[in-house]
Amino acid sequence: MRRDDFFRIRHMLEAAREAFSFGAGQKRNDLEPDRMRTLSIVKSIEIIGEAAAKVSKETREQFSELPWSDIVAMRNRLIHVYFDIDLERVLDTVNHDLPPLIRSLEKIISSEEGK
C-alpha cells in the first residue's frame, strides 16, 4: 500500500472513532439542542469521506470490502446539502455503519503495520 494511502486510512479510522464516541447511543432529540456535538459528528464523518476519496484506486480495489463509494457519497451529501442534514441518517451511520467500518480499518492498519 502506498504510504499516503496508509495515512489516509489512519485518518479515516481516527475520524470514525471520534464520530462514534461523540454519537454512539444518541437519539435525534439528544442532538437537536446540542449543536456542538452535532457539528462534531458531521465533521468527523466528512473527514472519513474526504480521506476515502483520496485513497488510490489500487488500494480501494485491494480492500474492496469497504463501501468506498458510499463513504464518499455520505461526505458529499453532508458537504453539499449542509442545510438539510437528516440527523436520523447521521445517527444511523454512527450506530450501525461505523462499528464495522472501524473494525475493517483496524484490520487494514494492523496488517499493513506488520509488513
N, C-alpha and C. Protein backbone atom coordinates (compact mmCIF):
# COMPACT_ATOMS: atom_id res chain seq x y z
N MET A 1 0.85 -1.19 0.00
CA MET A 1 0.00 0.00 0.00
C MET A 1 0.89 1.24 0.00
N ARG A 2 0.46 2.21 -0.77
CA ARG A 2 1.20 3.47 -0.79
C ARG A 2 1.17 4.13 0.58
N ARG A 3 2.24 4.82 0.89
CA ARG A 3 2.37 5.47 2.19
C ARG A 3 1.25 6.49 2.44
N ASP A 4 0.92 7.29 1.42
CA ASP A 4 -0.13 8.29 1.60
C ASP A 4 -1.50 7.63 1.80
N ASP A 5 -1.73 6.49 1.17
CA ASP A 5 -2.98 5.75 1.41
C ASP A 5 -3.05 5.25 2.85
N PHE A 6 -1.93 4.76 3.34
CA PHE A 6 -1.90 4.29 4.72
C PHE A 6 -2.29 5.42 5.68
N PHE A 7 -1.74 6.60 5.47
CA PHE A 7 -2.07 7.73 6.34
C PHE A 7 -3.53 8.15 6.20
N ARG A 8 -4.05 8.09 5.00
CA ARG A 8 -5.47 8.44 4.81
C ARG A 8 -6.38 7.42 5.49
N ILE A 9 -6.03 6.16 5.41
CA ILE A 9 -6.82 5.14 6.10
C ILE A 9 -6.72 5.33 7.61
N ARG A 10 -5.57 5.71 8.08
CA ARG A 10 -5.43 6.01 9.51
C ARG A 10 -6.31 7.20 9.89
N HIS A 11 -6.35 8.23 9.05
CA HIS A 11 -7.22 9.38 9.31
C HIS A 11 -8.68 8.96 9.34
N MET A 12 -9.05 8.07 8.41
CA MET A 12 -10.43 7.56 8.40
C MET A 12 -10.75 6.87 9.72
N LEU A 13 -9.83 6.06 10.20
CA LEU A 13 -10.05 5.34 11.46
C LEU A 13 -10.18 6.31 12.62
N GLU A 14 -9.30 7.29 12.71
CA GLU A 14 -9.36 8.27 13.80
C GLU A 14 -10.69 9.03 13.78
N ALA A 15 -11.10 9.46 12.60
CA ALA A 15 -12.35 10.22 12.49
C ALA A 15 -13.56 9.32 12.79
N ALA A 16 -13.51 8.07 12.36
CA ALA A 16 -14.62 7.14 12.65
C ALA A 16 -14.73 6.91 14.15
N ARG A 17 -13.62 6.73 14.81
CA ARG A 17 -13.63 6.55 16.26
C ARG A 17 -14.19 7.78 16.96
N GLU A 18 -13.79 8.95 16.48
CA GLU A 18 -14.30 10.19 17.08
C GLU A 18 -15.81 10.32 16.88
N ALA A 19 -16.27 10.12 15.66
CA ALA A 19 -17.71 10.22 15.38
C ALA A 19 -18.49 9.24 16.26
N PHE A 20 -17.97 8.03 16.38
CA PHE A 20 -18.66 7.04 17.19
C PHE A 20 -18.66 7.46 18.67
N SER A 21 -17.56 7.97 19.16
CA SER A 21 -17.52 8.38 20.57
C SER A 21 -18.44 9.56 20.84
N PHE A 22 -18.60 10.44 19.86
CA PHE A 22 -19.49 11.60 20.03
C PHE A 22 -20.97 11.22 19.92
N GLY A 23 -21.28 10.20 19.12
CA GLY A 23 -22.68 9.96 18.81
C GLY A 23 -23.26 8.62 19.19
N ALA A 24 -22.45 7.70 19.66
CA ALA A 24 -22.95 6.35 19.97
C ALA A 24 -24.08 6.42 20.98
N GLY A 25 -25.17 5.77 20.65
CA GLY A 25 -26.31 5.70 21.55
C GLY A 25 -27.15 6.96 21.63
N GLN A 26 -26.78 7.98 20.90
CA GLN A 26 -27.54 9.23 20.93
C GLN A 26 -28.82 9.09 20.10
N LYS A 27 -29.79 9.87 20.46
CA LYS A 27 -31.05 9.95 19.72
C LYS A 27 -31.14 11.34 19.10
N ARG A 28 -32.00 11.46 18.11
CA ARG A 28 -32.18 12.76 17.45
C ARG A 28 -32.50 13.85 18.47
N ASN A 29 -33.34 13.53 19.44
CA ASN A 29 -33.70 14.52 20.46
C ASN A 29 -32.51 14.95 21.30
N ASP A 30 -31.51 14.07 21.41
CA ASP A 30 -30.28 14.42 22.13
C ASP A 30 -29.44 15.40 21.33
N LEU A 31 -29.44 15.23 20.02
CA LEU A 31 -28.56 16.04 19.17
C LEU A 31 -29.14 17.41 18.81
N GLU A 32 -30.44 17.48 18.64
CA GLU A 32 -31.03 18.75 18.18
C GLU A 32 -30.63 19.95 19.04
N PRO A 33 -30.67 19.84 20.37
CA PRO A 33 -30.27 21.02 21.16
C PRO A 33 -28.75 21.15 21.33
N ASP A 34 -27.99 20.12 20.95
CA ASP A 34 -26.54 20.11 21.17
C ASP A 34 -25.81 20.33 19.85
N ARG A 35 -25.79 21.57 19.43
CA ARG A 35 -25.22 21.93 18.13
C ARG A 35 -23.74 21.56 18.04
N MET A 36 -23.00 21.72 19.12
CA MET A 36 -21.57 21.42 19.09
C MET A 36 -21.33 19.93 18.85
N ARG A 37 -22.08 19.09 19.52
CA ARG A 37 -21.94 17.63 19.32
C ARG A 37 -22.35 17.27 17.89
N THR A 38 -23.45 17.83 17.43
CA THR A 38 -23.93 17.54 16.08
C THR A 38 -22.87 17.90 15.04
N LEU A 39 -22.32 19.10 15.15
CA LEU A 39 -21.30 19.53 14.20
C LEU A 39 -20.04 18.68 14.29
N SER A 40 -19.70 18.23 15.49
CA SER A 40 -18.53 17.37 15.66
C SER A 40 -18.71 16.04 14.96
N ILE A 41 -19.88 15.47 15.09
CA ILE A 41 -20.18 14.20 14.43
C ILE A 41 -20.15 14.37 12.92
N VAL A 42 -20.84 15.40 12.44
CA VAL A 42 -20.91 15.64 10.99
C VAL A 42 -19.52 15.88 10.43
N LYS A 43 -18.72 16.69 11.09
CA LYS A 43 -17.36 16.97 10.61
C LYS A 43 -16.52 15.71 10.57
N SER A 44 -16.63 14.87 11.57
CA SER A 44 -15.87 13.63 11.60
C SER A 44 -16.26 12.73 10.43
N ILE A 45 -17.54 12.64 10.14
CA ILE A 45 -18.00 11.82 9.01
C ILE A 45 -17.51 12.44 7.69
N GLU A 46 -17.50 13.75 7.60
CA GLU A 46 -16.96 14.41 6.41
C GLU A 46 -15.48 14.05 6.22
N ILE A 47 -14.73 14.03 7.29
CA ILE A 47 -13.30 13.70 7.22
C ILE A 47 -13.11 12.27 6.72
N ILE A 48 -13.93 11.35 7.21
CA ILE A 48 -13.85 9.97 6.73
C ILE A 48 -14.01 9.94 5.21
N GLY A 49 -15.03 10.62 4.72
CA GLY A 49 -15.29 10.64 3.28
C GLY A 49 -14.24 11.35 2.48
N GLU A 50 -13.71 12.43 3.01
CA GLU A 50 -12.67 13.18 2.30
C GLU A 50 -11.41 12.33 2.17
N ALA A 51 -11.02 11.67 3.25
CA ALA A 51 -9.85 10.80 3.20
C ALA A 51 -10.09 9.63 2.25
N ALA A 52 -11.27 9.04 2.30
CA ALA A 52 -11.60 7.91 1.43
C ALA A 52 -11.53 8.30 -0.03
N ALA A 53 -11.98 9.51 -0.35
CA ALA A 53 -11.98 9.98 -1.73
C ALA A 53 -10.57 10.11 -2.30
N LYS A 54 -9.60 10.28 -1.42
CA LYS A 54 -8.22 10.48 -1.86
C LYS A 54 -7.39 9.20 -1.83
N VAL A 55 -7.96 8.11 -1.36
CA VAL A 55 -7.26 6.82 -1.38
C VAL A 55 -7.17 6.36 -2.84
N SER A 56 -6.02 5.85 -3.21
CA SER A 56 -5.80 5.46 -4.61
C SER A 56 -6.75 4.34 -5.05
N LYS A 57 -6.96 4.28 -6.33
CA LYS A 57 -7.81 3.24 -6.92
C LYS A 57 -7.26 1.86 -6.59
N GLU A 58 -5.96 1.71 -6.62
CA GLU A 58 -5.33 0.42 -6.35
C GLU A 58 -5.63 -0.06 -4.93
N THR A 59 -5.54 0.84 -3.98
CA THR A 59 -5.82 0.47 -2.59
C THR A 59 -7.29 0.20 -2.39
N ARG A 60 -8.15 0.99 -3.02
CA ARG A 60 -9.60 0.73 -2.92
C ARG A 60 -9.93 -0.65 -3.50
N GLU A 61 -9.28 -1.01 -4.58
CA GLU A 61 -9.51 -2.33 -5.16
C GLU A 61 -8.96 -3.44 -4.26
N GLN A 62 -7.82 -3.17 -3.64
CA GLN A 62 -7.22 -4.16 -2.73
C GLN A 62 -8.15 -4.44 -1.54
N PHE A 63 -8.84 -3.41 -1.08
CA PHE A 63 -9.74 -3.54 0.07
C PHE A 63 -11.18 -3.26 -0.38
N SER A 64 -11.60 -4.03 -1.34
CA SER A 64 -12.90 -3.80 -1.97
C SER A 64 -14.08 -4.12 -1.06
N GLU A 65 -13.82 -4.73 0.09
CA GLU A 65 -14.91 -5.00 1.03
C GLU A 65 -15.44 -3.72 1.69
N LEU A 66 -14.65 -2.65 1.63
CA LEU A 66 -15.12 -1.37 2.18
C LEU A 66 -16.05 -0.70 1.17
N PRO A 67 -17.10 -0.06 1.65
CA PRO A 67 -18.05 0.61 0.76
C PRO A 67 -17.56 2.01 0.36
N TRP A 68 -16.47 2.05 -0.39
CA TRP A 68 -15.80 3.31 -0.72
C TRP A 68 -16.76 4.35 -1.30
N SER A 69 -17.55 3.96 -2.27
CA SER A 69 -18.43 4.94 -2.92
C SER A 69 -19.50 5.44 -1.96
N ASP A 70 -20.00 4.59 -1.08
CA ASP A 70 -20.99 5.03 -0.09
C ASP A 70 -20.37 6.02 0.90
N ILE A 71 -19.14 5.75 1.29
CA ILE A 71 -18.44 6.64 2.24
C ILE A 71 -18.27 8.02 1.63
N VAL A 72 -17.81 8.07 0.39
CA VAL A 72 -17.61 9.34 -0.30
C VAL A 72 -18.95 10.03 -0.56
N ALA A 73 -19.96 9.25 -0.91
CA ALA A 73 -21.29 9.83 -1.16
C ALA A 73 -21.86 10.49 0.10
N MET A 74 -21.64 9.87 1.25
CA MET A 74 -22.12 10.45 2.50
C MET A 74 -21.42 11.79 2.75
N ARG A 75 -20.13 11.83 2.51
CA ARG A 75 -19.37 13.08 2.67
C ARG A 75 -19.93 14.14 1.74
N ASN A 76 -20.17 13.78 0.50
CA ASN A 76 -20.69 14.74 -0.48
C ASN A 76 -22.06 15.26 -0.05
N ARG A 77 -22.89 14.39 0.43
CA ARG A 77 -24.22 14.80 0.89
C ARG A 77 -24.10 15.80 2.04
N LEU A 78 -23.25 15.50 3.01
CA LEU A 78 -23.10 16.39 4.17
C LEU A 78 -22.51 17.74 3.77
N ILE A 79 -21.57 17.73 2.86
CA ILE A 79 -20.92 18.98 2.43
C ILE A 79 -21.85 19.84 1.59
N HIS A 80 -22.51 19.22 0.62
CA HIS A 80 -23.26 19.99 -0.36
C HIS A 80 -24.71 20.25 0.02
N VAL A 81 -25.24 19.47 0.93
CA VAL A 81 -26.63 19.68 1.36
C VAL A 81 -26.62 19.96 2.86
N TYR A 82 -25.68 20.78 3.27
CA TYR A 82 -25.47 21.11 4.68
C TYR A 82 -26.73 21.69 5.33
N PHE A 83 -27.59 22.30 4.55
CA PHE A 83 -28.79 22.96 5.08
C PHE A 83 -29.93 21.98 5.32
N ASP A 84 -29.76 20.73 4.91
CA ASP A 84 -30.83 19.76 5.02
C ASP A 84 -30.29 18.39 5.47
N ILE A 85 -29.52 18.40 6.54
CA ILE A 85 -28.92 17.17 7.05
C ILE A 85 -29.96 16.39 7.85
N ASP A 86 -30.09 15.12 7.54
CA ASP A 86 -31.02 14.23 8.22
C ASP A 86 -30.30 13.62 9.42
N LEU A 87 -30.60 14.11 10.61
CA LEU A 87 -29.93 13.63 11.82
C LEU A 87 -30.20 12.16 12.08
N GLU A 88 -31.36 11.67 11.69
CA GLU A 88 -31.64 10.23 11.85
C GLU A 88 -30.66 9.42 11.01
N ARG A 89 -30.41 9.86 9.80
CA ARG A 89 -29.46 9.15 8.91
C ARG A 89 -28.05 9.25 9.46
N VAL A 90 -27.68 10.40 9.98
CA VAL A 90 -26.34 10.56 10.57
C VAL A 90 -26.18 9.61 11.75
N LEU A 91 -27.18 9.54 12.61
CA LEU A 91 -27.08 8.65 13.77
C LEU A 91 -27.12 7.18 13.35
N ASP A 92 -27.86 6.88 12.32
CA ASP A 92 -27.85 5.51 11.80
C ASP A 92 -26.45 5.15 11.31
N THR A 93 -25.81 6.08 10.64
CA THR A 93 -24.43 5.86 10.19
C THR A 93 -23.51 5.62 11.39
N VAL A 94 -23.62 6.47 12.39
CA VAL A 94 -22.76 6.35 13.58
C VAL A 94 -22.98 5.01 14.26
N ASN A 95 -24.21 4.65 14.50
CA ASN A 95 -24.51 3.47 15.32
C ASN A 95 -24.47 2.15 14.57
N HIS A 96 -24.69 2.16 13.25
CA HIS A 96 -24.74 0.91 12.51
C HIS A 96 -23.62 0.73 11.49
N ASP A 97 -23.20 1.82 10.86
CA ASP A 97 -22.20 1.70 9.81
C ASP A 97 -20.77 1.87 10.32
N LEU A 98 -20.59 2.72 11.33
CA LEU A 98 -19.23 2.97 11.79
C LEU A 98 -18.59 1.80 12.53
N PRO A 99 -19.30 1.08 13.40
CA PRO A 99 -18.61 -0.03 14.09
C PRO A 99 -17.96 -1.05 13.14
N PRO A 100 -18.66 -1.54 12.10
CA PRO A 100 -17.96 -2.46 11.19
C PRO A 100 -16.86 -1.77 10.38
N LEU A 101 -17.05 -0.50 10.05
CA LEU A 101 -16.00 0.24 9.34
C LEU A 101 -14.76 0.35 10.22
N ILE A 102 -14.95 0.67 11.47
CA ILE A 102 -13.81 0.78 12.40
C ILE A 102 -13.06 -0.55 12.47
N ARG A 103 -13.79 -1.65 12.61
CA ARG A 103 -13.14 -2.96 12.67
C ARG A 103 -12.35 -3.26 11.40
N SER A 104 -12.93 -2.94 10.25
CA SER A 104 -12.23 -3.18 8.98
C SER A 104 -10.98 -2.32 8.85
N LEU A 105 -11.10 -1.05 9.22
CA LEU A 105 -9.94 -0.16 9.14
C LEU A 105 -8.85 -0.59 10.10
N GLU A 106 -9.23 -1.04 11.29
CA GLU A 106 -8.25 -1.53 12.26
C GLU A 106 -7.50 -2.74 11.69
N LYS A 107 -8.21 -3.64 11.02
CA LYS A 107 -7.56 -4.81 10.42
C LYS A 107 -6.61 -4.40 9.32
N ILE A 108 -7.02 -3.45 8.51
CA ILE A 108 -6.13 -2.99 7.42
C ILE A 108 -4.87 -2.39 8.00
N ILE A 109 -5.02 -1.52 8.96
CA ILE A 109 -3.85 -0.85 9.56
C ILE A 109 -2.95 -1.87 10.24
N SER A 110 -3.55 -2.79 10.97
CA SER A 110 -2.78 -3.82 11.65
C SER A 110 -1.98 -4.67 10.66
N SER A 111 -2.64 -5.05 9.57
CA SER A 111 -1.92 -5.88 8.59
C SER A 111 -0.80 -5.10 7.90
N GLU A 112 -1.03 -3.83 7.66
CA GLU A 112 -0.02 -3.02 6.99
C GLU A 112 1.15 -2.69 7.92
N GLU A 113 0.86 -2.51 9.20
CA GLU A 113 1.94 -2.23 10.15
C GLU A 113 2.82 -3.45 10.36
N GLY A 114 2.24 -4.63 10.17
CA GLY A 114 3.00 -5.88 10.33
C GLY A 114 3.94 -6.19 9.17
N LYS A 115 3.86 -5.41 8.11
CA LYS A 115 4.72 -5.67 6.93
C LYS A 115 6.07 -5.04 7.07
